[in-house]
Amino acid sequence: MVTSTKVDILPVDLMLFTNYKHPEAEKCGDSPGLPDPIYRRMSDLPAWQAATLTCSAPFLFSPIYDLVDGGLLANNPTMTMLAEVYHHSRGLKSKARPKTKLSFY
């Protein structure tokens, strides 16, 4: 999981780049906790491009796809990671799917 900050909206929002599909991504609507459309579109980004998006400091670089350094909102993304694990496992339980392993480095 890699974090980035979406700056074209107010208040700014945290974006997550992951190597797994969110179990709730199939649902439609604007329910809290669901990935928004940019999350789904950008889930296929190459790793080098996600790395560029997560470290583009706003005072040094222009935003790419309206995204800048994830450290603006999640300087230490430990709680973000724990919340993502919770939502991911809750989504899997609601669909009665087999458990998947999530690895965070």
PDB file of N, CA and C in Angstrom:
ATOM      1  N   MET A   1       0.847  -1.168   0.000  1.00  0.00           N
ATOM      2  CA  MET A   1       0.000   0.000   0.000  1.00  0.00           C
ATOM      3  C   MET A   1       0.893   1.232   0.000  1.00  0.00           C
ATOM      4  N   VAL A   2       0.587   2.145  -0.882  1.00  0.00           N
ATOM      5  CA  VAL A   2       1.314   3.403  -0.993  1.00  0.00           C
ATOM      6  C   VAL A   2       0.288   4.518  -0.909  1.00  0.00           C
ATOM      7  N   THR A   3       0.628   5.597  -0.200  1.00  0.00           N
ATOM      8  CA  THR A   3      -0.313   6.702  -0.030  1.00  0.00           C
ATOM      9  C   THR A   3       0.061   7.874  -0.927  1.00  0.00           C
ATOM     10  N   SER A   4      -0.960   8.624  -1.291  1.00  0.00           N
ATOM     11  CA  SER A   4      -0.797   9.864  -2.030  1.00  0.00           C
ATOM     12  C   SER A   4      -1.935  10.789  -1.608  1.00  0.00           C
ATOM     13  N   THR A   5      -1.789  12.076  -1.849  1.00  0.00           N
ATOM     14  CA  THR A   5      -2.802  13.042  -1.446  1.00  0.00           C
ATOM     15  C   THR A   5      -3.454  13.651  -2.680  1.00  0.00           C
ATOM     16  N   LYS A   6      -4.778  13.579  -2.740  1.00  0.00           N
ATOM     17  CA  LYS A   6      -5.547  14.151  -3.853  1.00  0.00           C
ATOM     18  C   LYS A   6      -5.851  15.604  -3.496  1.00  0.00           C
ATOM     19  N   VAL A   7      -5.335  16.535  -4.301  1.00  0.00           N
ATOM     20  CA  VAL A   7      -5.406  17.952  -3.937  1.00  0.00           C
ATOM     21  C   VAL A   7      -6.369  18.779  -4.777  1.00  0.00           C
ATOM     22  N   ASP A   8      -7.108  18.172  -5.689  1.00  0.00           N
ATOM     23  CA  ASP A   8      -8.027  18.968  -6.509  1.00  0.00           C
ATOM     24  C   ASP A   8      -9.389  19.128  -5.857  1.00  0.00           C
ATOM     25  N   ILE A   9      -9.558  18.628  -4.649  1.00  0.00           N
ATOM     26  CA  ILE A   9     -10.817  18.748  -3.918  1.00  0.00           C
ATOM     27  C   ILE A   9     -10.533  19.335  -2.538  1.00  0.00           C
ATOM     28  N   LEU A  10     -11.527  19.933  -1.939  1.00  0.00           N
ATOM     29  CA  LEU A  10     -11.401  20.444  -0.572  1.00  0.00           C
ATOM     30  C   LEU A  10     -12.458  19.793   0.293  1.00  0.00           C
ATOM     31  N   PRO A  11     -12.149  19.236   1.415  1.00  0.00           N
ATOM     32  CA  PRO A  11     -10.792  19.057   1.924  1.00  0.00           C
ATOM     33  C   PRO A  11     -10.041  18.019   1.103  1.00  0.00           C
ATOM     34  N   VAL A  12      -8.710  18.112   1.134  1.00  0.00           N
ATOM     35  CA  VAL A  12      -7.894  17.156   0.386  1.00  0.00           C
ATOM     36  C   VAL A  12      -8.155  15.752   0.919  1.00  0.00           C
ATOM     37  N   ASP A  13      -7.899  14.739   0.093  1.00  0.00           N
ATOM     38  CA  ASP A  13      -8.245  13.369   0.455  1.00  0.00           C
ATOM     39  C   ASP A  13      -7.042  12.456   0.260  1.00  0.00           C
ATOM     40  N   LEU A  14      -6.980  11.407   1.057  1.00  0.00           N
ATOM     41  CA  LEU A  14      -5.909  10.430   0.965  1.00  0.00           C
ATOM     42  C   LEU A  14      -6.265   9.378  -0.074  1.00  0.00           C
ATOM     43  N   MET A  15      -5.335   9.065  -0.958  1.00  0.00           N
ATOM     44  CA  MET A  15      -5.524   8.025  -1.966  1.00  0.00           C
ATOM     45  C   MET A  15      -4.591   6.869  -1.652  1.00  0.00           C
ATOM     46  N   LEU A  16      -5.066   5.652  -1.891  1.00  0.00           N
ATOM     47  CA  LEU A  16      -4.261   4.461  -1.641  1.00  0.00           C
ATOM     48  C   LEU A  16      -3.984   3.735  -2.947  1.00  0.00           C
ATOM     49  N   PHE A  17      -2.745   3.357  -3.147  1.00  0.00           N
ATOM     50  CA  PHE A  17      -2.358   2.508  -4.270  1.00  0.00           C
ATOM     51  C   PHE A  17      -2.029   1.146  -3.680  1.00  0.00           C
ATOM     52  N   THR A  18      -2.737   0.136  -4.117  1.00  0.00           N
ATOM     53  CA  THR A  18      -2.566  -1.203  -3.552  1.00  0.00           C
ATOM     54  C   THR A  18      -2.296  -2.215  -4.661  1.00  0.00           C
ATOM     55  N   ASN A  19      -1.856  -3.396  -4.257  1.00  0.00           N
ATOM     56  CA  ASN A  19      -1.632  -4.463  -5.232  1.00  0.00           C
ATOM     57  C   ASN A  19      -2.728  -5.522  -5.141  1.00  0.00           C
ATOM     58  N   TYR A  20      -3.868  -5.165  -4.574  1.00  0.00           N
ATOM     59  CA  TYR A  20      -5.009  -6.069  -4.458  1.00  0.00           C
ATOM     60  C   TYR A  20      -6.267  -5.292  -4.799  1.00  0.00           C
ATOM     61  N   LYS A  21      -7.309  -6.016  -5.155  1.00  0.00           N
ATOM     62  CA  LYS A  21      -8.590  -5.375  -5.464  1.00  0.00           C
ATOM     63  C   LYS A  21      -9.409  -5.279  -4.179  1.00  0.00           C
ATOM     64  N   HIS A  22      -9.908  -4.094  -3.908  1.00  0.00           N
ATOM     65  CA  HIS A  22     -10.721  -3.878  -2.716  1.00  0.00           C
ATOM     66  C   HIS A  22     -12.020  -4.663  -2.853  1.00  0.00           C
ATOM     67  N   PRO A  23     -12.429  -5.441  -1.827  1.00  0.00           N
ATOM     68  CA  PRO A  23     -13.638  -6.266  -1.954  1.00  0.00           C
ATOM     69  C   PRO A  23     -14.920  -5.469  -2.155  1.00  0.00           C
ATOM     70  N   GLU A  24     -14.935  -4.207  -1.772  1.00  0.00           N
ATOM     71  CA  GLU A  24     -16.136  -3.389  -1.918  1.00  0.00           C
ATOM     72  C   GLU A  24     -16.147  -2.610  -3.232  1.00  0.00           C
ATOM     73  N   ALA A  25     -15.132  -2.754  -4.064  1.00  0.00           N
ATOM     74  CA  ALA A  25     -15.017  -1.954  -5.288  1.00  0.00           C
ATOM     75  C   ALA A  25     -16.101  -2.271  -6.306  1.00  0.00           C
ATOM     76  N   GLU A  26     -16.750  -3.429  -6.189  1.00  0.00           N
ATOM     77  CA  GLU A  26     -17.785  -3.795  -7.148  1.00  0.00           C
ATOM     78  C   GLU A  26     -19.083  -3.033  -6.919  1.00  0.00           C
ATOM     79  N   LYS A  27     -19.267  -2.521  -5.698  1.00  0.00           N
ATOM     80  CA  LYS A  27     -20.495  -1.790  -5.387  1.00  0.00           C
ATOM     81  C   LYS A  27     -20.491  -0.430  -6.066  1.00  0.00           C
ATOM     82  N   CYS A  28     -21.663   0.120  -6.249  1.00  0.00           N
ATOM     83  CA  CYS A  28     -21.793   1.456  -6.831  1.00  0.00           C
ATOM     84  C   CYS A  28     -22.233   2.424  -5.743  1.00  0.00           C
ATOM     85  N   GLY A  29     -22.100   3.691  -6.005  1.00  0.00           N
ATOM     86  CA  GLY A  29     -22.595   4.699  -5.079  1.00  0.00           C
ATOM     87  C   GLY A  29     -21.472   5.418  -4.370  1.00  0.00           C
ATOM     88  N   ASP A  30     -21.868   6.331  -3.499  1.00  0.00           N
ATOM     89  CA  ASP A  30     -20.917   7.155  -2.772  1.00  0.00           C
ATOM     90  C   ASP A  30     -20.889   6.799  -1.298  1.00  0.00           C
ATOM     91  N   SER A  31     -21.017   5.544  -0.965  1.00  0.00           N
ATOM     92  CA  SER A  31     -20.997   5.130   0.435  1.00  0.00           C
ATOM     93  C   SER A  31     -19.630   5.403   1.037  1.00  0.00           C
ATOM     94  N   PRO A  32     -19.590   5.793   2.322  1.00  0.00           N
ATOM     95  CA  PRO A  32     -18.296   6.024   2.963  1.00  0.00           C
ATOM     96  C   PRO A  32     -17.466   4.745   2.959  1.00  0.00           C
ATOM     97  N   GLY A  33     -16.190   4.891   2.731  1.00  0.00           N
ATOM     98  CA  GLY A  33     -15.294   3.751   2.766  1.00  0.00           C
ATOM     99  C   GLY A  33     -15.111   3.050   1.432  1.00  0.00           C
ATOM    100  N   LEU A  34     -15.954   3.368   0.457  1.00  0.00           N
ATOM    101  CA  LEU A  34     -15.799   2.741  -0.857  1.00  0.00           C
ATOM    102  C   LEU A  34     -14.747   3.491  -1.658  1.00  0.00           C
ATOM    103  N   PRO A  35     -13.963   2.780  -2.424  1.00  0.00           N
ATOM    104  CA  PRO A  35     -12.994   3.467  -3.270  1.00  0.00           C
ATOM    105  C   PRO A  35     -13.719   4.315  -4.312  1.00  0.00           C
ATOM    106  N   ASP A  36     -13.226   5.516  -4.543  1.00  0.00           N
ATOM    107  CA  ASP A  36     -13.874   6.344  -5.557  1.00  0.00           C
ATOM    108  C   ASP A  36     -13.360   5.951  -6.944  1.00  0.00           C
ATOM    109  N   PRO A  37     -13.936   6.510  -8.008  1.00  0.00           N
ATOM    110  CA  PRO A  37     -13.560   6.085  -9.360  1.00  0.00           C
ATOM    111  C   PRO A  37     -12.072   6.205  -9.671  1.00  0.00           C
ATOM    112  N   ILE A  38     -11.389   7.217  -9.132  1.00  0.00           N
ATOM    113  CA  ILE A  38      -9.963   7.349  -9.444  1.00  0.00           C
ATOM    114  C   ILE A  38      -9.176   6.192  -8.837  1.00  0.00           C
ATOM    115  N   TYR A  39      -9.641   5.680  -7.694  1.00  0.00           N
ATOM    116  CA  TYR A  39      -8.983   4.520  -7.075  1.00  0.00           C
ATOM    117  C   TYR A  39      -9.051   3.334  -8.026  1.00  0.00           C
ATOM    118  N   ARG A  40     -10.215   3.114  -8.612  1.00  0.00           N
ATOM    119  CA  ARG A  40     -10.378   1.974  -9.516  1.00  0.00           C
ATOM    120  C   ARG A  40      -9.574   2.167 -10.801  1.00  0.00           C
ATOM    121  N   ARG A  41      -9.571   3.378 -11.340  1.00  0.00           N
ATOM    122  CA  ARG A  41      -8.834   3.621 -12.583  1.00  0.00           C
ATOM    123  C   ARG A  41      -7.330   3.496 -12.381  1.00  0.00           C
ATOM    124  N   MET A  42      -6.840   3.915 -11.245  1.00  0.00           N
ATOM    125  CA  MET A  42      -5.405   3.935 -11.018  1.00  0.00           C
ATOM    126  C   MET A  42      -4.881   2.652 -10.385  1.00  0.00           C
ATOM    127  N   SER A  43      -5.722   1.663 -10.212  1.00  0.00           N
ATOM    128  CA  SER A  43      -5.249   0.420  -9.604  1.00  0.00           C
ATOM    129  C   SER A  43      -4.304  -0.341 -10.522  1.00  0.00           C
ATOM    130  N   ASP A  44      -4.257   0.013 -11.800  1.00  0.00           N
ATOM    131  CA  ASP A  44      -3.385  -0.676 -12.744  1.00  0.00           C
ATOM    132  C   ASP A  44      -2.105   0.102 -13.064  1.00  0.00           C
ATOM    133  N   LEU A  45      -1.781   1.102 -12.264  1.00  0.00           N
ATOM    134  CA  LEU A  45      -0.562   1.871 -12.508  1.00  0.00           C
ATOM    135  C   LEU A  45       0.675   1.008 -12.292  1.00  0.00           C
ATOM    136  N   PRO A  46       1.701   1.216 -13.091  1.00  0.00           N
ATOM    137  CA  PRO A  46       2.972   0.538 -12.815  1.00  0.00           C
ATOM    138  C   PRO A  46       3.554   1.034 -11.489  1.00  0.00           C
ATOM    139  N   ALA A  47       4.358   0.215 -10.855  1.00  0.00           N
ATOM    140  CA  ALA A  47       4.924   0.556  -9.541  1.00  0.00           C
ATOM    141  C   ALA A  47       5.746   1.841  -9.598  1.00  0.00           C
ATOM    142  N   TRP A  48       6.504   2.061 -10.669  1.00  0.00           N
ATOM    143  CA  TRP A  48       7.338   3.253 -10.740  1.00  0.00           C
ATOM    144  C   TRP A  48       6.493   4.517 -10.784  1.00  0.00           C
ATOM    145  N   GLN A  49       5.326   4.448 -11.430  1.00  0.00           N
ATOM    146  CA  GLN A  49       4.470   5.627 -11.525  1.00  0.00           C
ATOM    147  C   GLN A  49       3.788   5.901 -10.182  1.00  0.00           C
ATOM    148  N   ALA A  50       3.376   4.856  -9.478  1.00  0.00           N
ATOM    149  CA  ALA A  50       2.804   5.043  -8.143  1.00  0.00           C
ATOM    150  C   ALA A  50       3.847   5.630  -7.198  1.00  0.00           C
ATOM    151  N   ALA A  51       5.098   5.188  -7.316  1.00  0.00           N
ATOM    152  CA  ALA A  51       6.168   5.733  -6.477  1.00  0.00           C
ATOM    153  C   ALA A  51       6.393   7.212  -6.773  1.00  0.00           C
ATOM    154  N   THR A  52       6.316   7.594  -8.031  1.00  0.00           N
ATOM    155  CA  THR A  52       6.461   9.001  -8.398  1.00  0.00           C
ATOM    156  C   THR A  52       5.333   9.831  -7.808  1.00  0.00           C
ATOM    157  N   LEU A  53       4.111   9.305  -7.857  1.00  0.00           N
ATOM    158  CA  LEU A  53       2.957  10.041  -7.333  1.00  0.00           C
ATOM    159  C   LEU A  53       3.019  10.202  -5.825  1.00  0.00           C
ATOM    160  N   THR A  54       3.573   9.245  -5.118  1.00  0.00           N
ATOM    161  CA  THR A  54       3.564   9.310  -3.666  1.00  0.00           C
ATOM    162  C   THR A  54       4.670  10.183  -3.086  1.00  0.00           C
ATOM    163  N   CYS A  55       5.665  10.525  -3.887  1.00  0.00           N
ATOM    164  CA  CYS A  55       6.767  11.310  -3.323  1.00  0.00           C
ATOM    165  C   CYS A  55       6.943  12.667  -3.987  1.00  0.00           C
ATOM    166  N   SER A  56       5.965  13.121  -4.735  1.00  0.00           N
ATOM    167  CA  SER A  56       6.090  14.427  -5.387  1.00  0.00           C
ATOM    168  C   SER A  56       5.713  15.533  -4.405  1.00  0.00           C
ATOM    169  N   ALA A  57       6.727  16.063  -3.734  1.00  0.00           N
ATOM    170  CA  ALA A  57       6.519  17.126  -2.750  1.00  0.00           C
ATOM    171  C   ALA A  57       5.918  18.344  -3.446  1.00  0.00           C
ATOM    172  N   PRO A  58       4.815  18.892  -2.910  1.00  0.00           N
ATOM    173  CA  PRO A  58       4.098  19.965  -3.609  1.00  0.00           C
ATOM    174  C   PRO A  58       4.898  21.254  -3.769  1.00  0.00           C
ATOM    175  N   PHE A  59       5.875  21.500  -2.922  1.00  0.00           N
ATOM    176  CA  PHE A  59       6.653  22.726  -3.053  1.00  0.00           C
ATOM    177  C   PHE A  59       7.818  22.562  -4.038  1.00  0.00           C
ATOM    178  N   LEU A  60       8.069  21.329  -4.513  1.00  0.00           N
ATOM    179  CA  LEU A  60       9.129  21.089  -5.492  1.00  0.00           C
ATOM    180  C   LEU A  60       8.608  20.675  -6.865  1.00  0.00           C
ATOM    181  N   PHE A  61       7.480  19.936  -6.894  1.00  0.00           N
ATOM    182  CA  PHE A  61       6.966  19.378  -8.143  1.00  0.00           C
ATOM    183  C   PHE A  61       5.505  19.747  -8.340  1.00  0.00           C
ATOM    184  N   SER A  62       5.093  19.797  -9.582  1.00  0.00           N
ATOM    185  CA  SER A  62       3.675  20.002  -9.896  1.00  0.00           C
ATOM    186  C   SER A  62       2.918  18.709  -9.631  1.00  0.00           C
ATOM    187  N   PRO A  63       1.637  18.805  -9.248  1.00  0.00           N
ATOM    188  CA  PRO A  63       0.848  17.585  -9.041  1.00  0.00           C
ATOM    189  C   PRO A  63       0.725  16.772 -10.326  1.00  0.00           C
ATOM    190  N   ILE A  64       0.725  15.467 -10.190  1.00  0.00           N
ATOM    191  CA  ILE A  64       0.509  14.546 -11.303  1.00  0.00           C
ATOM    192  C   ILE A  64      -0.837  13.888 -11.053  1.00  0.00           C
ATOM    193  N   TYR A  65      -1.768  13.974 -12.012  1.00  0.00           N
ATOM    194  CA  TYR A  65      -3.141  13.480 -11.830  1.00  0.00           C
ATOM    195  C   TYR A  65      -3.780  14.107 -10.590  1.00  0.00           C
ATOM    196  N   ASP A  66      -3.407  15.337 -10.260  1.00  0.00           N
ATOM    197  CA  ASP A  66      -3.889  16.042  -9.066  1.00  0.00           C
ATOM    198  C   ASP A  66      -3.491  15.326  -7.785  1.00  0.00           C
ATOM    199  N   LEU A  67      -2.398  14.582  -7.804  1.00  0.00           N
ATOM    200  CA  LEU A  67      -1.905  13.862  -6.632  1.00  0.00           C
ATOM    201  C   LEU A  67      -0.512  14.351  -6.274  1.00  0.00           C
ATOM    202  N   VAL A  68      -0.272  14.502  -4.958  1.00  0.00           N
ATOM    203  CA  VAL A  68       1.042  14.894  -4.452  1.00  0.00           C
ATOM    204  C   VAL A  68       1.441  13.935  -3.332  1.00  0.00           C
ATOM    205  N   ASP A  69       2.508  14.258  -2.649  1.00  0.00           N
ATOM    206  CA  ASP A  69       3.090  13.429  -1.599  1.00  0.00           C
ATOM    207  C   ASP A  69       2.050  12.954  -0.584  1.00  0.00           C
ATOM    208  N   GLY A  70       2.006  11.649  -0.335  1.00  0.00           N
ATOM    209  CA  GLY A  70       1.069  11.078   0.632  1.00  0.00           C
ATOM    210  C   GLY A  70       1.363  11.486   2.061  1.00  0.00           C
ATOM    211  N   GLY A  71       2.592  11.936   2.328  1.00  0.00           N
ATOM    212  CA  GLY A  71       2.967  12.356   3.665  1.00  0.00           C
ATOM    213  C   GLY A  71       2.253  13.603   4.152  1.00  0.00           C
ATOM    214  N   LEU A  72       1.574  14.317   3.270  1.00  0.00           N
ATOM    215  CA  LEU A  72       0.814  15.485   3.716  1.00  0.00           C
ATOM    216  C   LEU A  72      -0.308  15.081   4.660  1.00  0.00           C
ATOM    217  N   LEU A  73      -0.948  13.951   4.395  1.00  0.00           N
ATOM    218  CA  LEU A  73      -2.040  13.482   5.253  1.00  0.00           C
ATOM    219  C   LEU A  73      -1.656  12.274   6.094  1.00  0.00           C
ATOM    220  N   ALA A  74      -0.710  11.484   5.632  1.00  0.00           N
ATOM    221  CA  ALA A  74      -0.333  10.261   6.354  1.00  0.00           C
ATOM    222  C   ALA A  74       1.188  10.162   6.396  1.00  0.00           C
ATOM    223  N   ASN A  75       1.809  11.003   7.236  1.00  0.00           N
ATOM    224  CA  ASN A  75       3.258  10.987   7.335  1.00  0.00           C
ATOM    225  C   ASN A  75       3.758   9.636   7.838  1.00  0.00           C
ATOM    226  N   ASN A  76       3.044   9.046   8.781  1.00  0.00           N
ATOM    227  CA  ASN A  76       3.303   7.684   9.241  1.00  0.00           C
ATOM    228  C   ASN A  76       2.010   6.916   8.991  1.00  0.00           C
ATOM    229  N   PRO A  77       1.899   6.203   7.871  1.00  0.00           N
ATOM    230  CA  PRO A  77       0.612   5.618   7.466  1.00  0.00           C
ATOM    231  C   PRO A  77       0.221   4.330   8.193  1.00  0.00           C
ATOM    232  N   THR A  78       0.719   4.131   9.411  1.00  0.00           N
ATOM    233  CA  THR A  78       0.401   2.906  10.146  1.00  0.00           C
ATOM    234  C   THR A  78      -1.092   2.781  10.410  1.00  0.00           C
ATOM    235  N   MET A  79      -1.732   3.838  10.893  1.00  0.00           N
ATOM    236  CA  MET A  79      -3.170   3.764  11.175  1.00  0.00           C
ATOM    237  C   MET A  79      -3.974   3.617   9.884  1.00  0.00           C
ATOM    238  N   THR A  80      -3.509   4.228   8.806  1.00  0.00           N
ATOM    239  CA  THR A  80      -4.171   4.059   7.515  1.00  0.00           C
ATOM    240  C   THR A  80      -4.113   2.599   7.090  1.00  0.00           C
ATOM    241  N   MET A  81      -2.960   1.967   7.276  1.00  0.00           N
ATOM    242  CA  MET A  81      -2.795   0.561   6.926  1.00  0.00           C
ATOM    243  C   MET A  81      -3.702  -0.321   7.778  1.00  0.00           C
ATOM    244  N   LEU A  82      -3.766  -0.067   9.078  1.00  0.00           N
ATOM    245  CA  LEU A  82      -4.628  -0.865   9.954  1.00  0.00           C
ATOM    246  C   LEU A  82      -6.100  -0.698   9.585  1.00  0.00           C
ATOM    247  N   ALA A  83      -6.511   0.521   9.258  1.00  0.00           N
ATOM    248  CA  ALA A  83      -7.903   0.741   8.840  1.00  0.00           C
ATOM    249  C   ALA A  83      -8.191   0.017   7.528  1.00  0.00           C
ATOM    250  N   GLU A  84      -7.233   0.011   6.604  1.00  0.00           N
ATOM    251  CA  GLU A  84      -7.417  -0.680   5.330  1.00  0.00           C
ATOM    252  C   GLU A  84      -7.531  -2.192   5.543  1.00  0.00           C
ATOM    253  N   VAL A  85      -6.718  -2.746   6.429  1.00  0.00           N
ATOM    254  CA  VAL A  85      -6.812  -4.181   6.741  1.00  0.00           C
ATOM    255  C   VAL A  85      -8.183  -4.493   7.324  1.00  0.00           C
ATOM    256  N   TYR A  86      -8.665  -3.641   8.231  1.00  0.00           N
ATOM    257  CA  TYR A  86      -9.980  -3.855   8.844  1.00  0.00           C
ATOM    258  C   TYR A  86     -11.084  -3.829   7.785  1.00  0.00           C
ATOM    259  N   HIS A  87     -11.089  -2.801   6.928  1.00  0.00           N
ATOM    260  CA  HIS A  87     -12.131  -2.691   5.897  1.00  0.00           C
ATOM    261  C   HIS A  87     -12.031  -3.814   4.876  1.00  0.00           C
ATOM    262  N   HIS A  88     -10.815  -4.205   4.538  1.00  0.00           N
ATOM    263  CA  HIS A  88     -10.627  -5.293   3.575  1.00  0.00           C
ATOM    264  C   HIS A  88     -11.162  -6.610   4.138  1.00  0.00           C
ATOM    265  N   SER A  89     -10.821  -6.920   5.389  1.00  0.00           N
ATOM    266  CA  SER A  89     -11.286  -8.185   5.974  1.00  0.00           C
ATOM    267  C   SER A  89     -12.793  -8.161   6.204  1.00  0.00           C
ATOM    268  N   ARG A  90     -13.351  -7.007   6.557  1.00  0.00           N
ATOM    269  CA  ARG A  90     -14.800  -6.898   6.738  1.00  0.00           C
ATOM    270  C   ARG A  90     -15.524  -7.106   5.411  1.00  0.00           C
ATOM    271  N   GLY A  91     -14.960  -6.570   4.333  1.00  0.00           N
ATOM    272  CA  GLY A  91     -15.548  -6.765   3.013  1.00  0.00           C
ATOM    273  C   GLY A  91     -15.507  -8.217   2.577  1.00  0.00           C
ATOM    274  N   LEU A  92     -14.429  -8.914   2.917  1.00  0.00           N
ATOM    275  CA  LEU A  92     -14.334 -10.333   2.567  1.00  0.00           C
ATOM    276  C   LEU A  92     -15.329 -11.165   3.358  1.00  0.00           C
ATOM    277  N   LYS A  93     -15.528 -10.824   4.641  1.00  0.00           N
ATOM    278  CA  LYS A  93     -16.485 -11.569   5.463  1.00  0.00           C
ATOM    279  C   LYS A  93     -17.903 -11.407   4.931  1.00  0.00           C
ATOM    280  N   SER A  94     -18.238 -10.199   4.470  1.00  0.00           N
ATOM    281  CA  SER A  94     -19.598  -9.959   3.990  1.00  0.00           C
ATOM    282  C   SER A  94     -19.891 -10.732   2.709  1.00  0.00           C
ATOM    283  N   LYS A  95     -18.861 -11.102   1.976  1.00  0.00           N
ATOM    284  CA  LYS A  95     -19.054 -11.853   0.736  1.00  0.00           C
ATOM    285  C   LYS A  95     -18.777 -13.338   0.915  1.00  0.00           C
ATOM    286  N   ALA A  96     -18.420 -13.763   2.111  1.00  0.00           N
ATOM    287  CA  ALA A  96     -18.114 -15.161   2.420  1.00  0.00           C
ATOM    288  C   ALA A  96     -17.067 -15.717   1.453  1.00  0.00           C
ATOM    289  N   ARG A  97     -16.031 -14.942   1.214  1.00  0.00           N
ATOM    290  CA  ARG A  97     -14.936 -15.375   0.350  1.00  0.00           C
ATOM    291  C   ARG A  97     -13.824 -15.970   1.210  1.00  0.00           C
ATOM    292  N   PRO A  98     -12.970 -16.755   0.605  1.00  0.00           N
ATOM    293  CA  PRO A  98     -11.825 -17.260   1.364  1.00  0.00           C
ATOM    294  C   PRO A  98     -10.895 -16.115   1.754  1.00  0.00           C
ATOM    295  N   LYS A  99     -10.200 -16.281   2.852  1.00  0.00           N
ATOM    296  CA  LYS A  99      -9.306 -15.238   3.337  1.00  0.00           C
ATOM    297  C   LYS A  99      -8.129 -15.066   2.387  1.00  0.00           C
ATOM    298  N   THR A 100      -7.700 -13.815   2.264  1.00  0.00           N
ATOM    299  CA  THR A 100      -6.509 -13.525   1.471  1.00  0.00           C
ATOM    300  C   THR A 100      -5.448 -12.972   2.398  1.00  0.00           C
ATOM    301  N   LYS A 101      -4.216 -13.125   2.006  1.00  0.00           N
ATOM    302  CA  LYS A 101      -3.118 -12.587   2.792  1.00  0.00           C
ATOM    303  C   LYS A 101      -2.771 -11.205   2.269  1.00  0.00           C
ATOM    304  N   LEU A 102      -2.654 -10.250   3.181  1.00  0.00           N
ATOM    305  CA  LEU A 102      -2.224  -8.906   2.827  1.00  0.00           C
ATOM    306  C   LEU A 102      -0.843  -8.698   3.406  1.00  0.00           C
ATOM    307  N   SER A 103       0.065  -8.192   2.633  1.00  0.00           N
ATOM    308  CA  SER A 103       1.417  -7.923   3.103  1.00  0.00           C
ATOM    309  C   SER A 103       1.701  -6.440   2.969  1.00  0.00           C
ATOM    310  N   PHE A 104       2.220  -5.858   4.018  1.00  0.00           N
ATOM    311  CA  PHE A 104       2.593  -4.448   4.020  1.00  0.00           C
ATOM    312  C   PHE A 104       4.058  -4.361   4.388  1.00  0.00           C
ATOM    313  N   TYR A 105       4.819  -3.628   3.607  1.00  0.00           N
ATOM    314  CA  TYR A 105       6.255  -3.497   3.854  1.00  0.00           C
ATOM    315  C   TYR A 105       6.602  -2.085   4.195  1.00  0.00           C
TER     316      TYR A 105
END
